[in-house]
Every structure is written in C-alpha cells, then in structure tokens.
Amino acid sequence: MAEDILSGLAGAIRGSVENFVIAILVFTAGLIIAYFVRSLMRRSLKPKLPPHVYRPLELLVFYSLLAVSGIAALYPFGINLSGLLIAGGFAGIVVGLAAQNTLGNLVSGVMLLIEQPLRIGDPVNVAGVSGVVVGINIFSTRIRTWDGPIVRIPNNTVFNEIITNYVRMRARRVEIAIGVHYDTDIDKAIETVKRLMESHPLCLVNPGPEAFVDQYADSAIVIKMRCWAPPQAWFATKIELQTRLKKALDEAGIKIPYPQLDLHIVDQEEDLRVRLRGGLE
C-alpha cells in the first residue's frame, strides 16, 4: 500500500516537473520571440518614428507577446484556456467597437509617421485646410493656418485625404498673368517680362523663365509669365516679381489698360440727342 502511494506521488511529482519544464520552455520560446520582434522594430521602425511615438508602440508589442507566452505556458498544467480566450475575444470586440475611431486614428498616425507625406514645418493643404504643420502625434495632426489659428485634424482624416505638400519638391513654379494694351508691341512686352524674371536672383536658370500670349481678352492682351523658384522662397519671389512688374512695363513704355468698351455708331443721319441731368438737351 505504501509502495503504491509512493509510486503515485513520484509519478505526480514527475508529471508536475515535466509540465513545469514544458511551461518554462514555452515561456522561454515566447520571450525569445518577443526580444527578436523588439530588435527588429528597433532596426526598422525606431529610425523612422519620433521617440514619443516609438516607445509606447515598442512596449505595447513586447508586453503583448509576453502575455501571450504566459497564457500559453499555463496549458501544460491542464488549465482550460478556451473560456479565457473567448472572453478575451468578446472583450476585444467590444473595446474595438467602442474605440473604433481612436484605433483608426492610432493606426493612421503610425502610417503617417512611417510614410511621412508631411513633416513639421511643411506648408501643406489637407482636407481643405492650408497652412504650416506644427505638430504630428499618433492621434491627430495640427496645422497653423495662414491667418494664425491652429486646426486639429484627426489622423484618420489626414491619411484618407489628398495631401498637397508645397516643399517636398526641388522647385515650385511661379505664374503671373498681366494684361497689356492692344497697341503694344508683343515681342517687346514678352522680352520685358522675361528680362525681369532673368534678373531675379531666385528665378532658376534651368528650367528657365518663359513668357507667352495666354489669351486675347476684351480689354487687353494677356501675357503669362512663368519661372521656377525654390519652394521655401516661392511666395517671396512671386510678391517681388508682381511688385516690380509694373515699374518694368512703365520703363519700357508698355501700358496696362483699364477695362474699356468701344461704342461705334453706324447710322449717323439721324440726330443724336442726349438728355442731361436737369432737363437740358
């Protein structure tokens, strides 16, 4: 009888030790995977993300893998994990539905920080909001509009909208239209505006400035002038060219006409009477 008890006790201890060893091996394997994933994230994501974004993301992934490893290590002891997994799954669904917008903004924020279609300091247009980016975090993007107010846009909206970035190119085109009188020498007018652009230090040589007749309007011949400038100096270049354009045309003797309407009287046989204010004719 005693031998049976000792034999059963030894078997139980041996089984417990085996289960404990298996649990240790499972948890160790999960720990190795967690450290491997963290190392992979540090090589691929850490250089691309700001510290305040990368650190919480790394901790979330690392400890989630450790939690999964701990749950898996309980299985050799006969603990039924199906109920726990089902409850966790339902809880995850409920939390996911409740925080759908928040999670969407979080994922979109991470994607924006990885792709980097816009950066802090970039002049942009996003979802109809134009201005300079002053902040990007994992939930929202803040843009200071041209007249001062700061607009907060959820990252989910930013990620799904068309983003126009005005400084992520090497050059940006300056385009100005000016109307000249119909009696103007067109070649002279084109040469004048081209010489103005060529003399500006911020107008690029390649591609070079160009000017051409754009349309024949009611009161003027419209000449369009184009040049390329560094994106950081685009606005200043355009303002300077528009300011100096009038003086350059005046010095060349080229007139900028007022809106006008010519009236031609065909039948001159009848008397043309004009009634003045006060009853006089």
C-alpha atoms as a PDB file:
ATOM      1  CA  MET A   1       0.000   0.000   0.000  1.00  0.00           C
ATOM      2  CA  ALA A   2       2.776   2.382   0.947  1.00  0.00           C
ATOM      3  CA  GLU A   3       4.628   1.465  -2.206  1.00  0.00           C
ATOM      4  CA  ASP A   4       1.587   2.340  -4.322  1.00  0.00           C
ATOM      5  CA  ILE A   5       1.263   5.705  -2.584  1.00  0.00           C
ATOM      6  CA  LEU A   6       4.933   6.471  -3.045  1.00  0.00           C
ATOM      7  CA  SER A   7       4.766   5.345  -6.649  1.00  0.00           C
ATOM      8  CA  GLY A   8       1.747   7.569  -7.298  1.00  0.00           C
ATOM      9  CA  LEU A   9       3.397  10.510  -5.535  1.00  0.00           C
ATOM     10  CA  ALA A  10       6.559  10.027  -7.553  1.00  0.00           C
ATOM     11  CA  GLY A  11       4.539   9.895 -10.756  1.00  0.00           C
ATOM     12  CA  ALA A  12       2.672  13.061  -9.829  1.00  0.00           C
ATOM     13  CA  ILE A  13       5.897  14.845  -8.979  1.00  0.00           C
ATOM     14  CA  ARG A  14       7.473  13.608 -12.189  1.00  0.00           C
ATOM     15  CA  GLY A  15       4.436  14.798 -14.170  1.00  0.00           C
ATOM     16  CA  SER A  16       4.490  18.180 -12.417  1.00  0.00           C
ATOM     17  CA  VAL A  17       8.181  18.583 -13.111  1.00  0.00           C
ATOM     18  CA  GLU A  18       7.632  17.694 -16.760  1.00  0.00           C
ATOM     19  CA  ASN A  19       4.768  20.162 -17.018  1.00  0.00           C
ATOM     20  CA  PHE A  20       6.842  22.812 -15.287  1.00  0.00           C
ATOM     21  CA  VAL A  21       9.744  22.202 -17.681  1.00  0.00           C
ATOM     22  CA  ILE A  22       7.404  22.397 -20.676  1.00  0.00           C
ATOM     23  CA  ALA A  23       5.913  25.633 -19.328  1.00  0.00           C
ATOM     24  CA  ILE A  24       9.383  27.095 -18.842  1.00  0.00           C
ATOM     25  CA  LEU A  25      10.363  26.097 -22.382  1.00  0.00           C
ATOM     26  CA  VAL A  26       7.179  27.584 -23.849  1.00  0.00           C
ATOM     27  CA  PHE A  27       7.595  30.836 -21.947  1.00  0.00           C
ATOM     28  CA  THR A  28      11.303  30.991 -22.865  1.00  0.00           C
ATOM     29  CA  ALA A  29      10.457  30.500 -26.542  1.00  0.00           C
ATOM     30  CA  GLY A  30       7.889  33.307 -26.297  1.00  0.00           C
ATOM     31  CA  LEU A  31      10.430  35.521 -24.533  1.00  0.00           C
ATOM     32  CA  ILE A  32      12.964  34.883 -27.301  1.00  0.00           C
ATOM     33  CA  ILE A  33      10.345  35.769 -29.929  1.00  0.00           C
ATOM     34  CA  ALA A  34       9.428  38.950 -28.034  1.00  0.00           C
ATOM     35  CA  TYR A  35      13.056  40.081 -27.880  1.00  0.00           C
ATOM     36  CA  PHE A  36      13.541  39.224 -31.552  1.00  0.00           C
ATOM     37  CA  VAL A  37      10.498  41.279 -32.562  1.00  0.00           C
ATOM     38  CA  ARG A  38      11.670  44.178 -30.404  1.00  0.00           C
ATOM     39  CA  SER A  39      15.111  44.040 -32.012  1.00  0.00           C
ATOM     40  CA  LEU A  40      13.506  44.005 -35.444  1.00  0.00           C
ATOM     41  CA  MET A  41      11.364  47.021 -34.551  1.00  0.00           C
ATOM     42  CA  ARG A  42      14.387  48.938 -33.295  1.00  0.00           C
ATOM     43  CA  ARG A  43      16.173  48.386 -36.591  1.00  0.00           C
ATOM     44  CA  SER A  44      13.264  49.132 -38.913  1.00  0.00           C
ATOM     45  CA  LEU A  45      10.832  51.458 -37.097  1.00  0.00           C
ATOM     46  CA  LYS A  46      12.858  53.344 -34.488  1.00  0.00           C
ATOM     47  CA  PRO A  47      14.838  55.461 -37.015  1.00  0.00           C
ATOM     48  CA  LYS A  48      11.575  56.493 -38.720  1.00  0.00           C
ATOM     49  CA  LEU A  49       9.416  57.361 -35.712  1.00  0.00           C
ATOM     50  CA  PRO A  50       9.750  60.079 -33.077  1.00  0.00           C
ATOM     51  CA  PRO A  51      10.708  58.776 -29.598  1.00  0.00           C
ATOM     52  CA  HIS A  52       7.340  59.695 -28.063  1.00  0.00           C
ATOM     53  CA  VAL A  53       5.600  57.548 -30.678  1.00  0.00           C
ATOM     54  CA  TYR A  54       8.011  54.636 -30.958  1.00  0.00           C
ATOM     55  CA  ARG A  55       8.485  53.941 -27.233  1.00  0.00           C
ATOM     56  CA  PRO A  56       4.785  53.219 -26.391  1.00  0.00           C
ATOM     57  CA  LEU A  57       4.465  51.138 -29.553  1.00  0.00           C
ATOM     58  CA  GLU A  58       7.506  49.022 -28.629  1.00  0.00           C
ATOM     59  CA  LEU A  59       6.250  48.437 -25.095  1.00  0.00           C
ATOM     60  CA  LEU A  60       2.787  47.501 -26.353  1.00  0.00           C
ATOM     61  CA  VAL A  61       4.115  44.888 -28.780  1.00  0.00           C
ATOM     62  CA  PHE A  62       6.731  43.498 -26.378  1.00  0.00           C
ATOM     63  CA  TYR A  63       4.427  43.004 -23.393  1.00  0.00           C
ATOM     64  CA  SER A  64       1.611  41.685 -25.584  1.00  0.00           C
ATOM     65  CA  LEU A  65       3.922  38.909 -26.781  1.00  0.00           C
ATOM     66  CA  LEU A  66       4.963  38.193 -23.182  1.00  0.00           C
ATOM     67  CA  ALA A  67       1.301  37.969 -22.141  1.00  0.00           C
ATOM     68  CA  VAL A  68       0.580  35.507 -24.947  1.00  0.00           C
ATOM     69  CA  SER A  69       3.632  33.465 -23.900  1.00  0.00           C
ATOM     70  CA  GLY A  70       2.468  33.400 -20.268  1.00  0.00           C
ATOM     71  CA  ILE A  71      -1.007  32.217 -21.242  1.00  0.00           C
ATOM     72  CA  ALA A  72       0.441  29.500 -23.483  1.00  0.00           C
ATOM     73  CA  ALA A  73       2.743  28.350 -20.635  1.00  0.00           C
ATOM     74  CA  LEU A  74      -0.318  27.564 -18.473  1.00  0.00           C
ATOM     75  CA  TYR A  75      -1.633  24.967 -20.893  1.00  0.00           C
ATOM     76  CA  PRO A  76       0.594  22.031 -19.720  1.00  0.00           C
ATOM     77  CA  PHE A  77      -0.929  22.346 -16.209  1.00  0.00           C
ATOM     78  CA  GLY A  78      -4.365  21.434 -17.579  1.00  0.00           C
ATOM     79  CA  ILE A  79      -5.809  24.934 -17.343  1.00  0.00           C
ATOM     80  CA  ASN A  80      -8.570  25.320 -19.928  1.00  0.00           C
ATOM     81  CA  LEU A  81      -7.814  28.486 -21.804  1.00  0.00           C
ATOM     82  CA  SER A  82     -10.723  28.330 -24.251  1.00  0.00           C
ATOM     83  CA  GLY A  83     -13.063  30.210 -21.925  1.00  0.00           C
ATOM     84  CA  LEU A  84     -10.427  32.824 -21.228  1.00  0.00           C
ATOM     85  CA  LEU A  85      -9.711  33.246 -24.929  1.00  0.00           C
ATOM     86  CA  ILE A  86     -13.415  33.504 -25.775  1.00  0.00           C
ATOM     87  CA  ALA A  87     -13.965  36.082 -23.027  1.00  0.00           C
ATOM     88  CA  GLY A  88     -10.906  37.996 -24.170  1.00  0.00           C
ATOM     89  CA  GLY A  89     -12.121  37.862 -27.746  1.00  0.00           C
ATOM     90  CA  PHE A  90     -15.533  39.277 -26.814  1.00  0.00           C
ATOM     91  CA  ALA A  91     -13.890  41.940 -24.675  1.00  0.00           C
ATOM     92  CA  GLY A  92     -11.600  42.834 -27.567  1.00  0.00           C
ATOM     93  CA  ILE A  93     -14.563  43.149 -29.937  1.00  0.00           C
ATOM     94  CA  VAL A  94     -16.452  45.381 -27.500  1.00  0.00           C
ATOM     95  CA  VAL A  95     -13.434  47.591 -26.864  1.00  0.00           C
ATOM     96  CA  GLY A  96     -12.652  47.714 -30.598  1.00  0.00           C
ATOM     97  CA  LEU A  97     -16.180  48.848 -31.482  1.00  0.00           C
ATOM     98  CA  ALA A  98     -16.208  51.413 -28.700  1.00  0.00           C
ATOM     99  CA  ALA A  99     -12.826  52.818 -29.664  1.00  0.00           C
ATOM    100  CA  GLN A 100     -13.073  52.368 -33.428  1.00  0.00           C
ATOM    101  CA  ASN A 101     -12.295  55.995 -34.261  1.00  0.00           C
ATOM    102  CA  THR A 102      -9.486  56.146 -31.712  1.00  0.00           C
ATOM    103  CA  LEU A 103      -7.869  52.976 -33.031  1.00  0.00           C
ATOM    104  CA  GLY A 104      -8.299  54.223 -36.594  1.00  0.00           C
ATOM    105  CA  ASN A 105      -6.532  57.458 -35.699  1.00  0.00           C
ATOM    106  CA  LEU A 106      -3.796  55.482 -33.939  1.00  0.00           C
ATOM    107  CA  VAL A 107      -3.133  53.212 -36.926  1.00  0.00           C
ATOM    108  CA  SER A 108      -3.327  56.147 -39.350  1.00  0.00           C
ATOM    109  CA  GLY A 109      -0.927  58.139 -37.179  1.00  0.00           C
ATOM    110  CA  VAL A 110       1.622  55.334 -37.213  1.00  0.00           C
ATOM    111  CA  MET A 111       1.277  55.011 -41.008  1.00  0.00           C
ATOM    112  CA  LEU A 112       1.704  58.768 -41.468  1.00  0.00           C
ATOM    113  CA  LEU A 113       4.832  58.760 -39.324  1.00  0.00           C
ATOM    114  CA  ILE A 114       6.244  55.841 -41.328  1.00  0.00           C
ATOM    115  CA  GLU A 115       5.346  57.178 -44.779  1.00  0.00           C
ATOM    116  CA  GLN A 116       5.959  60.853 -43.845  1.00  0.00           C
ATOM    117  CA  PRO A 117       3.951  62.612 -46.572  1.00  0.00           C
ATOM    118  CA  LEU A 118       4.185  65.722 -44.384  1.00  0.00           C
ATOM    119  CA  ARG A 119       6.557  66.879 -41.674  1.00  0.00           C
ATOM    120  CA  ILE A 120       6.596  69.568 -39.022  1.00  0.00           C
ATOM    121  CA  GLY A 121       7.268  72.903 -40.708  1.00  0.00           C
ATOM    122  CA  ASP A 122       5.896  71.884 -44.128  1.00  0.00           C
ATOM    123  CA  PRO A 123       3.350  74.204 -45.793  1.00  0.00           C
ATOM    124  CA  VAL A 124       0.510  71.903 -46.839  1.00  0.00           C
ATOM    125  CA  ASN A 125      -3.132  71.651 -47.821  1.00  0.00           C
ATOM    126  CA  VAL A 126      -5.050  68.833 -46.109  1.00  0.00           C
ATOM    127  CA  ALA A 127      -8.829  68.355 -46.234  1.00  0.00           C
ATOM    128  CA  GLY A 128      -9.265  71.958 -47.369  1.00  0.00           C
ATOM    129  CA  VAL A 129      -7.070  73.349 -44.575  1.00  0.00           C
ATOM    130  CA  SER A 130      -3.982  75.248 -45.747  1.00  0.00           C
ATOM    131  CA  GLY A 131      -1.114  76.244 -43.508  1.00  0.00           C
ATOM    132  CA  VAL A 132       2.068  75.045 -41.821  1.00  0.00           C
ATOM    133  CA  VAL A 133       2.275  71.725 -39.927  1.00  0.00           C
ATOM    134  CA  VAL A 134       3.096  72.443 -36.281  1.00  0.00           C
ATOM    135  CA  GLY A 135       2.512  69.018 -34.723  1.00  0.00           C
ATOM    136  CA  ILE A 136       2.093  65.346 -35.613  1.00  0.00           C
ATOM    137  CA  ASN A 137       1.232  62.728 -32.992  1.00  0.00           C
ATOM    138  CA  ILE A 138      -0.316  59.279 -33.068  1.00  0.00           C
ATOM    139  CA  PHE A 139      -3.909  60.566 -32.906  1.00  0.00           C
ATOM    140  CA  SER A 140      -4.029  63.919 -34.721  1.00  0.00           C
ATOM    141  CA  THR A 141      -2.162  66.442 -36.842  1.00  0.00           C
ATOM    142  CA  ARG A 142      -2.132  70.167 -36.056  1.00  0.00           C
ATOM    143  CA  ILE A 143      -1.861  72.815 -38.790  1.00  0.00           C
ATOM    144  CA  ARG A 144      -1.433  76.538 -38.226  1.00  0.00           C
ATOM    145  CA  THR A 145      -3.413  78.254 -40.972  1.00  0.00           C
ATOM    146  CA  TRP A 146      -2.031  81.231 -42.870  1.00  0.00           C
ATOM    147  CA  ASP A 147      -4.047  83.672 -40.764  1.00  0.00           C
ATOM    148  CA  GLY A 148      -2.946  82.210 -37.425  1.00  0.00           C
ATOM    149  CA  PRO A 149      -5.475  79.745 -35.922  1.00  0.00           C
ATOM    150  CA  ILE A 150      -4.345  76.165 -35.245  1.00  0.00           C
ATOM    151  CA  VAL A 151      -6.583  73.439 -36.682  1.00  0.00           C
ATOM    152  CA  ARG A 152      -6.534  69.895 -35.282  1.00  0.00           C
ATOM    153  CA  ILE A 153      -7.292  67.191 -37.857  1.00  0.00           C
ATOM    154  CA  PRO A 154      -7.752  63.510 -36.855  1.00  0.00           C
ATOM    155  CA  ASN A 155      -5.085  61.318 -38.422  1.00  0.00           C
ATOM    156  CA  ASN A 156      -7.705  59.055 -39.975  1.00  0.00           C
ATOM    157  CA  THR A 157      -8.938  62.047 -41.977  1.00  0.00           C
ATOM    158  CA  VAL A 158      -5.402  63.120 -42.893  1.00  0.00           C
ATOM    159  CA  PHE A 159      -4.463  59.626 -44.061  1.00  0.00           C
ATOM    160  CA  ASN A 160      -7.549  59.274 -46.292  1.00  0.00           C
ATOM    161  CA  GLU A 161      -7.488  62.793 -47.772  1.00  0.00           C
ATOM    162  CA  ILE A 162      -5.406  64.190 -50.625  1.00  0.00           C
ATOM    163  CA  ILE A 163      -2.319  65.876 -49.153  1.00  0.00           C
ATOM    164  CA  THR A 164      -0.696  68.721 -51.073  1.00  0.00           C
ATOM    165  CA  ASN A 165       2.817  69.404 -49.804  1.00  0.00           C
ATOM    166  CA  TYR A 166       4.376  72.616 -51.135  1.00  0.00           C
ATOM    167  CA  VAL A 167       8.004  71.995 -50.139  1.00  0.00           C
ATOM    168  CA  ARG A 168       8.675  68.338 -50.875  1.00  0.00           C
ATOM    169  CA  MET A 169       9.797  69.183 -54.405  1.00  0.00           C
ATOM    170  CA  ARG A 170      13.020  70.762 -55.593  1.00  0.00           C
ATOM    171  CA  ALA A 171      11.326  73.734 -57.240  1.00  0.00           C
ATOM    172  CA  ARG A 172       7.896  75.322 -57.491  1.00  0.00           C
ATOM    173  CA  ARG A 173       6.579  77.301 -60.428  1.00  0.00           C
ATOM    174  CA  VAL A 174       5.692  80.986 -60.094  1.00  0.00           C
ATOM    175  CA  GLU A 175       2.969  82.049 -62.521  1.00  0.00           C
ATOM    176  CA  ILE A 176       1.749  85.627 -63.097  1.00  0.00           C
ATOM    177  CA  ALA A 177      -0.680  86.958 -65.726  1.00  0.00           C
ATOM    178  CA  ILE A 178      -0.603  90.591 -66.888  1.00  0.00           C
ATOM    179  CA  GLY A 179      -2.724  92.416 -69.445  1.00  0.00           C
ATOM    180  CA  VAL A 180      -1.191  94.880 -71.931  1.00  0.00           C
ATOM    181  CA  HIS A 181      -2.777  97.299 -74.424  1.00  0.00           C
ATOM    182  CA  TYR A 182      -3.761  96.004 -77.861  1.00  0.00           C
ATOM    183  CA  ASP A 183      -1.426  98.581 -79.440  1.00  0.00           C
ATOM    184  CA  THR A 184       1.559  97.072 -77.603  1.00  0.00           C
ATOM    185  CA  ASP A 185       4.480  95.506 -79.406  1.00  0.00           C
ATOM    186  CA  ILE A 186       4.009  91.920 -78.224  1.00  0.00           C
ATOM    187  CA  ASP A 187       7.617  90.900 -78.774  1.00  0.00           C
ATOM    188  CA  LYS A 188       8.787  93.853 -76.718  1.00  0.00           C
ATOM    189  CA  ALA A 189       6.356  93.062 -73.898  1.00  0.00           C
ATOM    190  CA  ILE A 190       7.414  89.407 -73.778  1.00  0.00           C
ATOM    191  CA  GLU A 191      11.082  90.374 -73.783  1.00  0.00           C
ATOM    192  CA  THR A 192      10.491  92.863 -70.957  1.00  0.00           C
ATOM    193  CA  VAL A 193       8.854  90.377 -68.616  1.00  0.00           C
ATOM    194  CA  LYS A 194      11.412  87.666 -69.459  1.00  0.00           C
ATOM    195  CA  ARG A 195      14.251  90.059 -68.687  1.00  0.00           C
ATOM    196  CA  LEU A 196      12.575  90.878 -65.355  1.00  0.00           C
ATOM    197  CA  MET A 197      12.462  87.190 -64.386  1.00  0.00           C
ATOM    198  CA  GLU A 198      16.004  86.540 -65.587  1.00  0.00           C
ATOM    199  CA  SER A 199      17.303  89.374 -63.415  1.00  0.00           C
ATOM    200  CA  HIS A 200      15.668  87.991 -60.274  1.00  0.00           C
ATOM    201  CA  PRO A 201      18.208  86.029 -58.172  1.00  0.00           C
ATOM    202  CA  LEU A 202      15.710  83.352 -57.124  1.00  0.00           C
ATOM    203  CA  CYS A 203      14.330  82.503 -60.565  1.00  0.00           C
ATOM    204  CA  LEU A 204      16.038  79.302 -61.672  1.00  0.00           C
ATOM    205  CA  VAL A 205      18.079  79.154 -64.858  1.00  0.00           C
ATOM    206  CA  ASN A 206      17.118  75.535 -65.566  1.00  0.00           C
ATOM    207  CA  PRO A 207      14.251  75.325 -66.322  1.00  0.00           C
ATOM    208  CA  GLY A 208      14.448  78.896 -67.499  1.00  0.00           C
ATOM    209  CA  PRO A 209      11.773  81.622 -67.394  1.00  0.00           C
ATOM    210  CA  GLU A 210       9.173  81.769 -70.142  1.00  0.00           C
ATOM    211  CA  ALA A 211       6.544  84.259 -71.275  1.00  0.00           C
ATOM    212  CA  PHE A 212       3.825  83.940 -73.913  1.00  0.00           C
ATOM    213  CA  VAL A 213       0.452  85.307 -75.015  1.00  0.00           C
ATOM    214  CA  ASP A 214      -2.146  83.454 -72.992  1.00  0.00           C
ATOM    215  CA  GLN A 215      -5.356  84.963 -74.358  1.00  0.00           C
ATOM    216  CA  TYR A 216      -6.922  87.917 -76.127  1.00  0.00           C
ATOM    217  CA  ALA A 217      -9.292  89.393 -73.571  1.00  0.00           C
ATOM    218  CA  ASP A 218     -11.913  92.112 -74.018  1.00  0.00           C
ATOM    219  CA  SER A 219      -9.677  94.978 -72.948  1.00  0.00           C
ATOM    220  CA  ALA A 220      -6.143  93.596 -73.072  1.00  0.00           C
ATOM    221  CA  ILE A 221      -3.755  91.020 -74.452  1.00  0.00           C
ATOM    222  CA  VAL A 222      -2.979  88.742 -71.517  1.00  0.00           C
ATOM    223  CA  ILE A 223       0.670  87.707 -71.221  1.00  0.00           C
ATOM    224  CA  LYS A 224       1.533  84.886 -68.854  1.00  0.00           C
ATOM    225  CA  MET A 225       4.970  84.772 -67.271  1.00  0.00           C
ATOM    226  CA  ARG A 226       6.406  81.672 -65.604  1.00  0.00           C
ATOM    227  CA  CYS A 227       9.552  80.835 -63.727  1.00  0.00           C
ATOM    228  CA  TRP A 228      10.697  78.234 -61.207  1.00  0.00           C
ATOM    229  CA  ALA A 229      11.914  79.104 -57.707  1.00  0.00           C
ATOM    230  CA  PRO A 230      12.987  77.213 -54.555  1.00  0.00           C
ATOM    231  CA  PRO A 231       9.816  76.169 -52.696  1.00  0.00           C
ATOM    232  CA  GLN A 232      10.917  77.930 -49.498  1.00  0.00           C
ATOM    233  CA  ALA A 233      11.178  81.225 -51.408  1.00  0.00           C
ATOM    234  CA  TRP A 234       8.190  80.755 -53.727  1.00  0.00           C
ATOM    235  CA  PHE A 235       5.890  83.286 -52.058  1.00  0.00           C
ATOM    236  CA  ALA A 236       8.585  85.953 -51.694  1.00  0.00           C
ATOM    237  CA  THR A 237       9.630  85.508 -55.323  1.00  0.00           C
ATOM    238  CA  LYS A 238       6.071  85.889 -56.583  1.00  0.00           C
ATOM    239  CA  ILE A 239       5.442  89.006 -54.496  1.00  0.00           C
ATOM    240  CA  GLU A 240       8.689  90.640 -55.645  1.00  0.00           C
ATOM    241  CA  LEU A 241       8.001  89.909 -59.321  1.00  0.00           C
ATOM    242  CA  GLN A 242       4.468  91.286 -59.105  1.00  0.00           C
ATOM    243  CA  THR A 243       5.731  94.411 -57.341  1.00  0.00           C
ATOM    244  CA  ARG A 244       8.499  95.091 -59.882  1.00  0.00           C
ATOM    245  CA  LEU A 245       6.431  94.183 -62.948  1.00  0.00           C
ATOM    246  CA  LYS A 246       4.537  97.495 -63.160  1.00  0.00           C
ATOM    247  CA  LYS A 247       7.750  99.530 -62.991  1.00  0.00           C
ATOM    248  CA  ALA A 248       9.428  97.385 -65.656  1.00  0.00           C
ATOM    249  CA  LEU A 249       6.487  97.831 -68.037  1.00  0.00           C
ATOM    250  CA  ASP A 250       6.358 101.592 -67.386  1.00  0.00           C
ATOM    251  CA  GLU A 251      10.075 101.933 -68.155  1.00  0.00           C
ATOM    252  CA  ALA A 252       9.549 100.037 -71.410  1.00  0.00           C
ATOM    253  CA  GLY A 253       6.621 102.300 -72.373  1.00  0.00           C
ATOM    254  CA  ILE A 254       4.100  99.464 -72.210  1.00  0.00           C
ATOM    255  CA  LYS A 255       0.644 100.361 -70.962  1.00  0.00           C
ATOM    256  CA  ILE A 256      -1.601  98.257 -68.750  1.00  0.00           C
ATOM    257  CA  PRO A 257      -5.115  99.178 -69.961  1.00  0.00           C
ATOM    258  CA  TYR A 258      -8.212  99.873 -67.919  1.00  0.00           C
ATOM    259  CA  PRO A 259     -11.336  97.889 -68.747  1.00  0.00           C
ATOM    260  CA  GLN A 260     -12.896  99.681 -71.711  1.00  0.00           C
ATOM    261  CA  LEU A 261     -15.753  99.424 -74.183  1.00  0.00           C
ATOM    262  CA  ASP A 262     -15.708 100.952 -77.669  1.00  0.00           C
ATOM    263  CA  LEU A 263     -19.096 102.188 -78.982  1.00  0.00           C
ATOM    264  CA  HIS A 264     -19.440 102.525 -82.764  1.00  0.00           C
ATOM    265  CA  ILE A 265     -22.481 104.416 -84.151  1.00  0.00           C
ATOM    266  CA  VAL A 266     -23.325 103.088 -87.613  1.00  0.00           C
ATOM    267  CA  ASP A 267     -26.286 105.302 -88.613  1.00  0.00           C
ATOM    268  CA  GLN A 268     -25.229 108.953 -88.316  1.00  0.00           C
ATOM    269  CA  GLU A 269     -28.015 110.536 -90.429  1.00  0.00           C
ATOM    270  CA  GLU A 270     -30.418 110.935 -87.538  1.00  0.00           C
ATOM    271  CA  ASP A 271     -29.811 113.477 -84.836  1.00  0.00           C
ATOM    272  CA  LEU A 272     -28.349 112.047 -81.701  1.00  0.00           C
ATOM    273  CA  ARG A 273     -29.891 113.761 -78.700  1.00  0.00           C
ATOM    274  CA  VAL A 274     -28.563 113.415 -75.184  1.00  0.00           C
ATOM    275  CA  ARG A 275     -30.703 114.354 -72.211  1.00  0.00           C
ATOM    276  CA  LEU A 276     -28.635 115.850 -69.427  1.00  0.00           C
ATOM    277  CA  ARG A 277     -29.488 115.866 -65.777  1.00  0.00           C
ATOM    278  CA  GLY A 278     -31.760 118.862 -65.057  1.00  0.00           C
ATOM    279  CA  GLY A 279     -33.853 118.593 -68.195  1.00  0.00           C
ATOM    280  CA  LEU A 280     -31.458 120.231 -70.692  1.00  0.00           C
ATOM    281  CA  GLU A 281     -30.888 118.741 -74.138  1.00  0.00           C
END
